[in-house]
């Protein structure tokens, strides 16, 4: 959102809208990376919990 406000959008002389569309794939990349990291951390937590149960 900060980058979008900093870059802004404008209308070209031919009437087409010029916007920073490169931010959309970056947002998806961060979103998917967050989901993957959450899944990995969740699996690691489950594995560690099961290992602790086996030791006790």
Protein backbone atom coordinates (compact mmCIF):
# COMPACT_ATOMS: atom_id res chain seq x y z
CA UNK A 1 0.00 0.00 0.00
CA UNK A 2 2.86 2.36 0.80
CA UNK A 3 4.54 1.69 -2.54
CA UNK A 4 1.26 2.17 -4.37
CA UNK A 5 0.74 5.57 -2.72
CA UNK A 6 4.37 6.56 -3.37
CA UNK A 7 4.30 5.54 -7.04
CA UNK A 8 0.70 6.54 -7.69
CA UNK A 9 -1.22 6.15 -10.89
CA UNK A 10 -1.72 8.47 -13.82
CA UNK A 11 -3.52 8.78 -17.11
CA UNK A 12 -1.34 8.71 -20.21
CA UNK A 13 -1.91 11.11 -23.10
CA UNK A 14 -3.69 8.38 -25.08
CA UNK A 15 -6.20 7.97 -22.22
CA UNK A 16 -4.85 4.69 -20.82
CA UNK A 17 -4.42 4.27 -17.10
CA UNK A 18 -0.83 3.75 -15.91
CA UNK A 19 -0.64 1.87 -12.60
CA UNK A 20 2.08 -0.07 -10.74
CA UNK A 21 0.84 -3.56 -11.65
CA UNK A 22 4.19 -5.13 -10.71
CA UNK A 23 3.05 -4.93 -7.08
CA UNK A 24 0.32 -7.55 -7.64
CA UNK A 25 2.69 -10.51 -8.24
CA UNK A 26 4.91 -9.38 -5.36
CA UNK A 27 1.89 -9.38 -3.06
CA UNK A 28 0.95 -12.90 -4.19
CA UNK A 29 4.54 -14.04 -3.67
CA UNK A 30 4.55 -12.79 -0.07
CA UNK A 31 1.08 -14.24 0.56
CA UNK A 32 2.06 -17.70 -0.69
CA UNK A 33 5.42 -17.56 1.12
CA UNK A 34 3.56 -16.79 4.35
CA UNK A 35 1.21 -19.73 3.87
CA UNK A 36 4.11 -22.09 3.08
CA UNK A 37 6.06 -20.87 6.12
CA UNK A 38 2.99 -21.36 8.31
CA UNK A 39 2.50 -24.91 7.04
CA UNK A 40 6.17 -25.78 7.55
CA UNK A 41 6.19 -24.34 11.08
CA UNK A 42 2.96 -26.16 11.88
CA UNK A 43 4.36 -29.49 10.69
CA UNK A 44 7.59 -28.91 12.63
CA UNK A 45 5.57 -28.17 15.77
CA UNK A 46 3.52 -31.35 15.38
CA UNK A 47 6.66 -33.44 14.80
CA UNK A 48 8.40 -31.97 17.84
CA UNK A 49 5.31 -32.54 19.97
CA UNK A 50 5.14 -36.18 18.89
CA UNK A 51 8.87 -36.67 19.57
CA UNK A 52 8.44 -35.22 23.08
CA UNK A 53 5.58 -37.67 23.74
CA UNK A 54 7.70 -40.61 22.60
CA UNK A 55 10.55 -39.63 24.95
CA UNK A 56 8.29 -39.30 27.97
